Amino acid sequence: MNNLMNDSSMGLFIWQAIILISIGLWIYCLIDILKNKFAQNDKIIWILVVILIPFIGSLLYLFIGKNKKLKSN
């Protein structure tokens, strides 16, 4: 019985870690979007994508959106 408690506790810890990482990634992406300039309406679109589809939207922004930022002189 005691072993069963430890296994479920470890599973709960893993899920909590995944959720915290996901929230941290979401906040990082939102701050990065708000700090940088994008062409036309891209900033609004990326904000909506990250807010409406939190985990997948954050990953999409990291792999696609970061390359779309305008470079400052």
PDB file of N, CA and C in Angstrom:
ATOM      1  N   MET A   1       0.825  -1.196   0.000  1.00  0.00           N
ATOM      2  CA  MET A   1       0.000   0.000   0.000  1.00  0.00           C
ATOM      3  C   MET A   1       0.867   1.257   0.000  1.00  0.00           C
ATOM      4  N   ASN A   2       1.935   1.223   0.763  1.00  0.00           N
ATOM      5  CA  ASN A   2       2.815   2.374   0.851  1.00  0.00           C
ATOM      6  C   ASN A   2       3.498   2.640  -0.490  1.00  0.00           C
ATOM      7  N   ASN A   3       3.832   1.573  -1.220  1.00  0.00           N
ATOM      8  CA  ASN A   3       4.459   1.717  -2.531  1.00  0.00           C
ATOM      9  C   ASN A   3       3.503   2.374  -3.521  1.00  0.00           C
ATOM     10  N   LEU A   4       2.233   2.064  -3.421  1.00  0.00           N
ATOM     11  CA  LEU A   4       1.215   2.659  -4.286  1.00  0.00           C
ATOM     12  C   LEU A   4       1.116   4.165  -4.055  1.00  0.00           C
ATOM     13  N   MET A   5       1.226   4.595  -2.822  1.00  0.00           N
ATOM     14  CA  MET A   5       1.199   6.027  -2.503  1.00  0.00           C
ATOM     15  C   MET A   5       2.391   6.733  -3.130  1.00  0.00           C
ATOM     16  N   ASN A   6       3.555   6.128  -3.086  1.00  0.00           N
ATOM     17  CA  ASN A   6       4.747   6.746  -3.645  1.00  0.00           C
ATOM     18  C   ASN A   6       4.663   6.857  -5.160  1.00  0.00           C
ATOM     19  N   ASP A   7       4.113   5.835  -5.833  1.00  0.00           N
ATOM     20  CA  ASP A   7       3.980   5.873  -7.281  1.00  0.00           C
ATOM     21  C   ASP A   7       3.019   6.964  -7.722  1.00  0.00           C
ATOM     22  N   SER A   8       1.909   7.095  -7.023  1.00  0.00           N
ATOM     23  CA  SER A   8       0.943   8.130  -7.403  1.00  0.00           C
ATOM     24  C   SER A   8       1.478   9.518  -7.060  1.00  0.00           C
ATOM     25  N   SER A   9       2.264   9.627  -6.005  1.00  0.00           N
ATOM     26  CA  SER A   9       2.854  10.915  -5.662  1.00  0.00           C
ATOM     27  C   SER A   9       3.844  11.359  -6.727  1.00  0.00           C
ATOM     28  N   MET A  10       4.618  10.412  -7.263  1.00  0.00           N
ATOM     29  CA  MET A  10       5.579  10.741  -8.308  1.00  0.00           C
ATOM     30  C   MET A  10       4.859  11.170  -9.582  1.00  0.00           C
ATOM     31  N   GLY A  11       3.774  10.495  -9.905  1.00  0.00           N
ATOM     32  CA  GLY A  11       2.997  10.867 -11.085  1.00  0.00           C
ATOM     33  C   GLY A  11       2.406  12.261 -10.932  1.00  0.00           C
ATOM     34  N   LEU A  12       1.925  12.576  -9.746  1.00  0.00           N
ATOM     35  CA  LEU A  12       1.372  13.902  -9.478  1.00  0.00           C
ATOM     36  C   LEU A  12       2.458  14.965  -9.587  1.00  0.00           C
ATOM     37  N   PHE A  13       3.640  14.652  -9.075  1.00  0.00           N
ATOM     38  CA  PHE A  13       4.761  15.593  -9.166  1.00  0.00           C
ATOM     39  C   PHE A  13       5.134  15.862 -10.624  1.00  0.00           C
ATOM     40  N   ILE A  14       5.147  14.827 -11.442  1.00  0.00           N
ATOM     41  CA  ILE A  14       5.488  15.001 -12.867  1.00  0.00           C
ATOM     42  C   ILE A  14       4.456  15.879 -13.558  1.00  0.00           C
ATOM     43  N   TRP A  15       3.168  15.653 -13.300  1.00  0.00           N
ATOM     44  CA  TRP A  15       2.127  16.477 -13.918  1.00  0.00           C
ATOM     45  C   TRP A  15       2.216  17.928 -13.459  1.00  0.00           C
ATOM     46  N   GLN A  16       2.503  18.132 -12.182  1.00  0.00           N
ATOM     47  CA  GLN A  16       2.649  19.499 -11.678  1.00  0.00           C
ATOM     48  C   GLN A  16       3.838  20.195 -12.326  1.00  0.00           C
ATOM     49  N   ALA A  17       4.930  19.484 -12.522  1.00  0.00           N
ATOM     50  CA  ALA A  17       6.112  20.057 -13.180  1.00  0.00           C
ATOM     51  C   ALA A  17       5.793  20.427 -14.629  1.00  0.00           C
ATOM     52  N   ILE A  18       5.074  19.561 -15.333  1.00  0.00           N
ATOM     53  CA  ILE A  18       4.698  19.840 -16.723  1.00  0.00           C
ATOM     54  C   ILE A  18       3.802  21.072 -16.793  1.00  0.00           C
ATOM     55  N   ILE A  19       2.854  21.179 -15.890  1.00  0.00           N
ATOM     56  CA  ILE A  19       1.947  22.335 -15.877  1.00  0.00           C
ATOM     57  C   ILE A  19       2.707  23.624 -15.571  1.00  0.00           C
ATOM     58  N   LEU A  20       3.617  23.588 -14.609  1.00  0.00           N
ATOM     59  CA  LEU A  20       4.403  24.790 -14.286  1.00  0.00           C
ATOM     60  C   LEU A  20       5.300  25.208 -15.437  1.00  0.00           C
ATOM     61  N   ILE A  21       5.914  24.258 -16.111  1.00  0.00           N
ATOM     62  CA  ILE A  21       6.742  24.576 -17.278  1.00  0.00           C
ATOM     63  C   ILE A  21       5.882  25.169 -18.383  1.00  0.00           C
ATOM     64  N   SER A  22       4.705  24.609 -18.584  1.00  0.00           N
ATOM     65  CA  SER A  22       3.792  25.117 -19.611  1.00  0.00           C
ATOM     66  C   SER A  22       3.361  26.553 -19.312  1.00  0.00           C
ATOM     67  N   ILE A  23       3.046  26.848 -18.052  1.00  0.00           N
ATOM     68  CA  ILE A  23       2.649  28.202 -17.662  1.00  0.00           C
ATOM     69  C   ILE A  23       3.818  29.165 -17.831  1.00  0.00           C
ATOM     70  N   GLY A  24       5.013  28.745 -17.457  1.00  0.00           N
ATOM     71  CA  GLY A  24       6.197  29.577 -17.632  1.00  0.00           C
ATOM     72  C   GLY A  24       6.471  29.873 -19.093  1.00  0.00           C
ATOM     73  N   LEU A  25       6.337  28.868 -19.942  1.00  0.00           N
ATOM     74  CA  LEU A  25       6.525  29.049 -21.381  1.00  0.00           C
ATOM     75  C   LEU A  25       5.486  30.007 -21.936  1.00  0.00           C
ATOM     76  N   TRP A  26       4.246  29.878 -21.495  1.00  0.00           N
ATOM     77  CA  TRP A  26       3.154  30.735 -21.946  1.00  0.00           C
ATOM     78  C   TRP A  26       3.431  32.196 -21.584  1.00  0.00           C
ATOM     79  N   ILE A  27       3.844  32.429 -20.337  1.00  0.00           N
ATOM     80  CA  ILE A  27       4.146  33.796 -19.888  1.00  0.00           C
ATOM     81  C   ILE A  27       5.337  34.361 -20.648  1.00  0.00           C
ATOM     82  N   TYR A  28       6.387  33.544 -20.852  1.00  0.00           N
ATOM     83  CA  TYR A  28       7.558  33.999 -21.598  1.00  0.00           C
ATOM     84  C   TYR A  28       7.173  34.433 -23.009  1.00  0.00           C
ATOM     85  N   CYS A  29       6.356  33.619 -23.677  1.00  0.00           N
ATOM     86  CA  CYS A  29       5.949  33.944 -25.053  1.00  0.00           C
ATOM     87  C   CYS A  29       5.122  35.225 -25.093  1.00  0.00           C
ATOM     88  N   LEU A  30       4.190  35.391 -24.164  1.00  0.00           N
ATOM     89  CA  LEU A  30       3.382  36.610 -24.147  1.00  0.00           C
ATOM     90  C   LEU A  30       4.244  37.855 -23.921  1.00  0.00           C
ATOM     91  N   ILE A  31       5.190  37.781 -23.001  1.00  0.00           N
ATOM     92  CA  ILE A  31       6.066  38.924 -22.743  1.00  0.00           C
ATOM     93  C   ILE A  31       6.930  39.217 -23.958  1.00  0.00           C
ATOM     94  N   ASP A  32       7.452  38.176 -24.599  1.00  0.00           N
ATOM     95  CA  ASP A  32       8.288  38.360 -25.781  1.00  0.00           C
ATOM     96  C   ASP A  32       7.500  38.987 -26.932  1.00  0.00           C
ATOM     97  N   ILE A  33       6.266  38.570 -27.105  1.00  0.00           N
ATOM     98  CA  ILE A  33       5.425  39.137 -28.158  1.00  0.00           C
ATOM     99  C   ILE A  33       5.154  40.613 -27.874  1.00  0.00           C
ATOM    100  N   LEU A  34       4.829  40.935 -26.638  1.00  0.00           N
ATOM    101  CA  LEU A  34       4.499  42.315 -26.295  1.00  0.00           C
ATOM    102  C   LEU A  34       5.714  43.243 -26.377  1.00  0.00           C
ATOM    103  N   LYS A  35       6.908  42.739 -26.140  1.00  0.00           N
ATOM    104  CA  LYS A  35       8.114  43.567 -26.169  1.00  0.00           C
ATOM    105  C   LYS A  35       8.609  43.873 -27.577  1.00  0.00           C
ATOM    106  N   ASN A  36       8.328  43.017 -28.534  1.00  0.00           N
ATOM    107  CA  ASN A  36       8.898  43.140 -29.867  1.00  0.00           C
ATOM    108  C   ASN A  36       7.902  43.675 -30.882  1.00  0.00           C
ATOM    109  N   LYS A  37       8.450  44.122 -32.004  1.00  0.00           N
ATOM    110  CA  LYS A  37       7.623  44.639 -33.095  1.00  0.00           C
ATOM    111  C   LYS A  37       7.479  43.575 -34.174  1.00  0.00           C
ATOM    112  N   PHE A  38       6.287  43.566 -34.762  1.00  0.00           N
ATOM    113  CA  PHE A  38       5.972  42.628 -35.831  1.00  0.00           C
ATOM    114  C   PHE A  38       5.385  43.419 -36.997  1.00  0.00           C
ATOM    115  N   ALA A  39       5.410  42.827 -38.174  1.00  0.00           N
ATOM    116  CA  ALA A  39       4.833  43.456 -39.355  1.00  0.00           C
ATOM    117  C   ALA A  39       3.307  43.399 -39.270  1.00  0.00           C
ATOM    118  N   GLN A  40       2.671  44.474 -39.667  1.00  0.00           N
ATOM    119  CA  GLN A  40       1.217  44.598 -39.774  1.00  0.00           C
ATOM    120  C   GLN A  40       0.504  44.113 -38.517  1.00  0.00           C
ATOM    121  N   ASN A  41      -0.411  43.157 -38.662  1.00  0.00           N
ATOM    122  CA  ASN A  41      -1.215  42.670 -37.533  1.00  0.00           C
ATOM    123  C   ASN A  41      -0.662  41.393 -36.921  1.00  0.00           C
ATOM    124  N   ASP A  42       0.578  41.060 -37.205  1.00  0.00           N
ATOM    125  CA  ASP A  42       1.147  39.807 -36.702  1.00  0.00           C
ATOM    126  C   ASP A  42       1.185  39.752 -35.179  1.00  0.00           C
ATOM    127  N   LYS A  43       1.404  40.890 -34.528  1.00  0.00           N
ATOM    128  CA  LYS A  43       1.469  40.900 -33.065  1.00  0.00           C
ATOM    129  C   LYS A  43       0.121  40.474 -32.470  1.00  0.00           C
ATOM    130  N   ILE A  44      -0.958  41.019 -32.981  1.00  0.00           N
ATOM    131  CA  ILE A  44      -2.290  40.667 -32.491  1.00  0.00           C
ATOM    132  C   ILE A  44      -2.593  39.193 -32.759  1.00  0.00           C
ATOM    133  N   ILE A  45      -2.217  38.729 -33.932  1.00  0.00           N
ATOM    134  CA  ILE A  45      -2.464  37.328 -34.287  1.00  0.00           C
ATOM    135  C   ILE A  45      -1.698  36.396 -33.357  1.00  0.00           C
ATOM    136  N   TRP A  46      -0.422  36.693 -33.093  1.00  0.00           N
ATOM    137  CA  TRP A  46       0.369  35.830 -32.211  1.00  0.00           C
ATOM    138  C   TRP A  46      -0.162  35.868 -30.779  1.00  0.00           C
ATOM    139  N   ILE A  47      -0.601  37.025 -30.323  1.00  0.00           N
ATOM    140  CA  ILE A  47      -1.172  37.099 -28.974  1.00  0.00           C
ATOM    141  C   ILE A  47      -2.418  36.219 -28.885  1.00  0.00           C
ATOM    142  N   LEU A  48      -3.280  36.299 -29.881  1.00  0.00           N
ATOM    143  CA  LEU A  48      -4.490  35.466 -29.882  1.00  0.00           C
ATOM    144  C   LEU A  48      -4.160  33.984 -29.948  1.00  0.00           C
ATOM    145  N   VAL A  49      -3.184  33.613 -30.781  1.00  0.00           N
ATOM    146  CA  VAL A  49      -2.805  32.199 -30.896  1.00  0.00           C
ATOM    147  C   VAL A  49      -2.285  31.675 -29.560  1.00  0.00           C
ATOM    148  N   VAL A  50      -1.405  32.452 -28.906  1.00  0.00           N
ATOM    149  CA  VAL A  50      -0.816  31.996 -27.646  1.00  0.00           C
ATOM    150  C   VAL A  50      -1.860  31.957 -26.534  1.00  0.00           C
ATOM    151  N   ILE A  51      -2.787  32.906 -26.515  1.00  0.00           N
ATOM    152  CA  ILE A  51      -3.807  32.914 -25.459  1.00  0.00           C
ATOM    153  C   ILE A  51      -4.864  31.830 -25.675  1.00  0.00           C
ATOM    154  N   LEU A  52      -5.316  31.654 -26.912  1.00  0.00           N
ATOM    155  CA  LEU A  52      -6.406  30.717 -27.178  1.00  0.00           C
ATOM    156  C   LEU A  52      -5.960  29.253 -27.238  1.00  0.00           C
ATOM    157  N   ILE A  53      -4.700  29.012 -27.620  1.00  0.00           N
ATOM    158  CA  ILE A  53      -4.168  27.645 -27.679  1.00  0.00           C
ATOM    159  C   ILE A  53      -2.873  27.633 -26.865  1.00  0.00           C
ATOM    160  N   PRO A  54      -2.965  27.660 -25.535  1.00  0.00           N
ATOM    161  CA  PRO A  54      -1.796  27.945 -24.695  1.00  0.00           C
ATOM    162  C   PRO A  54      -0.524  27.151 -24.989  1.00  0.00           C
ATOM    163  N   PHE A  55      -0.511  25.857 -24.834  1.00  0.00           N
ATOM    164  CA  PHE A  55       0.743  25.114 -24.971  1.00  0.00           C
ATOM    165  C   PHE A  55       1.189  25.023 -26.425  1.00  0.00           C
ATOM    166  N   ILE A  56       0.287  24.629 -27.306  1.00  0.00           N
ATOM    167  CA  ILE A  56       0.640  24.484 -28.721  1.00  0.00           C
ATOM    168  C   ILE A  56       0.932  25.850 -29.336  1.00  0.00           C
ATOM    169  N   GLY A  57       0.163  26.868 -28.952  1.00  0.00           N
ATOM    170  CA  GLY A  57       0.409  28.219 -29.459  1.00  0.00           C
ATOM    171  C   GLY A  57       1.769  28.742 -29.036  1.00  0.00           C
ATOM    172  N   SER A  58       2.180  28.443 -27.816  1.00  0.00           N
ATOM    173  CA  SER A  58       3.503  28.861 -27.345  1.00  0.00           C
ATOM    174  C   SER A  58       4.605  28.172 -28.139  1.00  0.00           C
ATOM    175  N   LEU A  59       4.435  26.889 -28.388  1.00  0.00           N
ATOM    176  CA  LEU A  59       5.431  26.167 -29.185  1.00  0.00           C
ATOM    177  C   LEU A  59       5.477  26.694 -30.620  1.00  0.00           C
ATOM    178  N   LEU A  60       4.317  26.959 -31.192  1.00  0.00           N
ATOM    179  CA  LEU A  60       4.280  27.526 -32.547  1.00  0.00           C
ATOM    180  C   LEU A  60       4.994  28.869 -32.587  1.00  0.00           C
ATOM    181  N   TYR A  61       4.768  29.691 -31.583  1.00  0.00           N
ATOM    182  CA  TYR A  61       5.434  30.995 -31.544  1.00  0.00           C
ATOM    183  C   TYR A  61       6.948  30.821 -31.460  1.00  0.00           C
ATOM    184  N   LEU A  62       7.411  29.905 -30.631  1.00  0.00           N
ATOM    185  CA  LEU A  62       8.855  29.711 -30.485  1.00  0.00           C
ATOM    186  C   LEU A  62       9.501  29.235 -31.778  1.00  0.00           C
ATOM    187  N   PHE A  63       8.826  28.344 -32.515  1.00  0.00           N
ATOM    188  CA  PHE A  63       9.415  27.788 -33.724  1.00  0.00           C
ATOM    189  C   PHE A  63       9.158  28.619 -34.974  1.00  0.00           C
ATOM    190  N   ILE A  64       8.043  29.353 -35.020  1.00  0.00           N
ATOM    191  CA  ILE A  64       7.691  30.112 -36.226  1.00  0.00           C
ATOM    192  C   ILE A  64       7.723  31.615 -35.969  1.00  0.00           C
ATOM    193  N   GLY A  65       7.071  32.048 -34.910  1.00  0.00           N
ATOM    194  CA  GLY A  65       6.856  33.471 -34.664  1.00  0.00           C
ATOM    195  C   GLY A  65       8.099  34.261 -34.326  1.00  0.00           C
ATOM    196  N   LYS A  66       9.043  33.651 -33.618  1.00  0.00           N
ATOM    197  CA  LYS A  66      10.251  34.385 -33.240  1.00  0.00           C
ATOM    198  C   LYS A  66      11.038  34.813 -34.469  1.00  0.00           C
ATOM    199  N   ASN A  67      10.918  34.062 -35.551  1.00  0.00           N
ATOM    200  CA  ASN A  67      11.614  34.418 -36.792  1.00  0.00           C
ATOM    201  C   ASN A  67      10.921  35.561 -37.529  1.00  0.00           C
ATOM    202  N   LYS A  68       9.676  35.848 -37.189  1.00  0.00           N
ATOM    203  CA  LYS A  68       8.887  36.876 -37.867  1.00  0.00           C
ATOM    204  C   LYS A  68       9.047  38.261 -37.237  1.00  0.00           C
ATOM    205  N   LYS A  69       9.801  38.363 -36.135  1.00  0.00           N
ATOM    206  CA  LYS A  69       9.976  39.656 -35.491  1.00  0.00           C
ATOM    207  C   LYS A  69      10.763  40.584 -36.413  1.00  0.00           C
ATOM    208  N   LEU A  70      10.419  41.878 -36.329  1.00  0.00           N
ATOM    209  CA  LEU A  70      11.174  42.870 -37.087  1.00  0.00           C
ATOM    210  C   LEU A  70      12.477  43.148 -36.362  1.00  0.00           C
ATOM    211  N   LYS A  71      13.524  43.274 -37.116  1.00  0.00           N
ATOM    212  CA  LYS A  71      14.823  43.556 -36.510  1.00  0.00           C
ATOM    213  C   LYS A  71      14.949  45.055 -36.266  1.00  0.00           C
ATOM    214  N   SER A  72      15.394  45.424 -35.069  1.00  0.00           N
ATOM    215  CA  SER A  72      15.578  46.848 -34.748  1.00  0.00           C
ATOM    216  C   SER A  72      16.980  47.272 -35.193  1.00  0.00           C
ATOM    217  N   ASN A  73      17.084  48.524 -35.628  1.00  0.00           N
ATOM    218  CA  ASN A  73      18.375  49.019 -36.153  1.00  0.00           C
ATOM    219  C   ASN A  73      19.274  49.470 -35.060  1.00  0.00           C
TER     220      ASN A  73
END
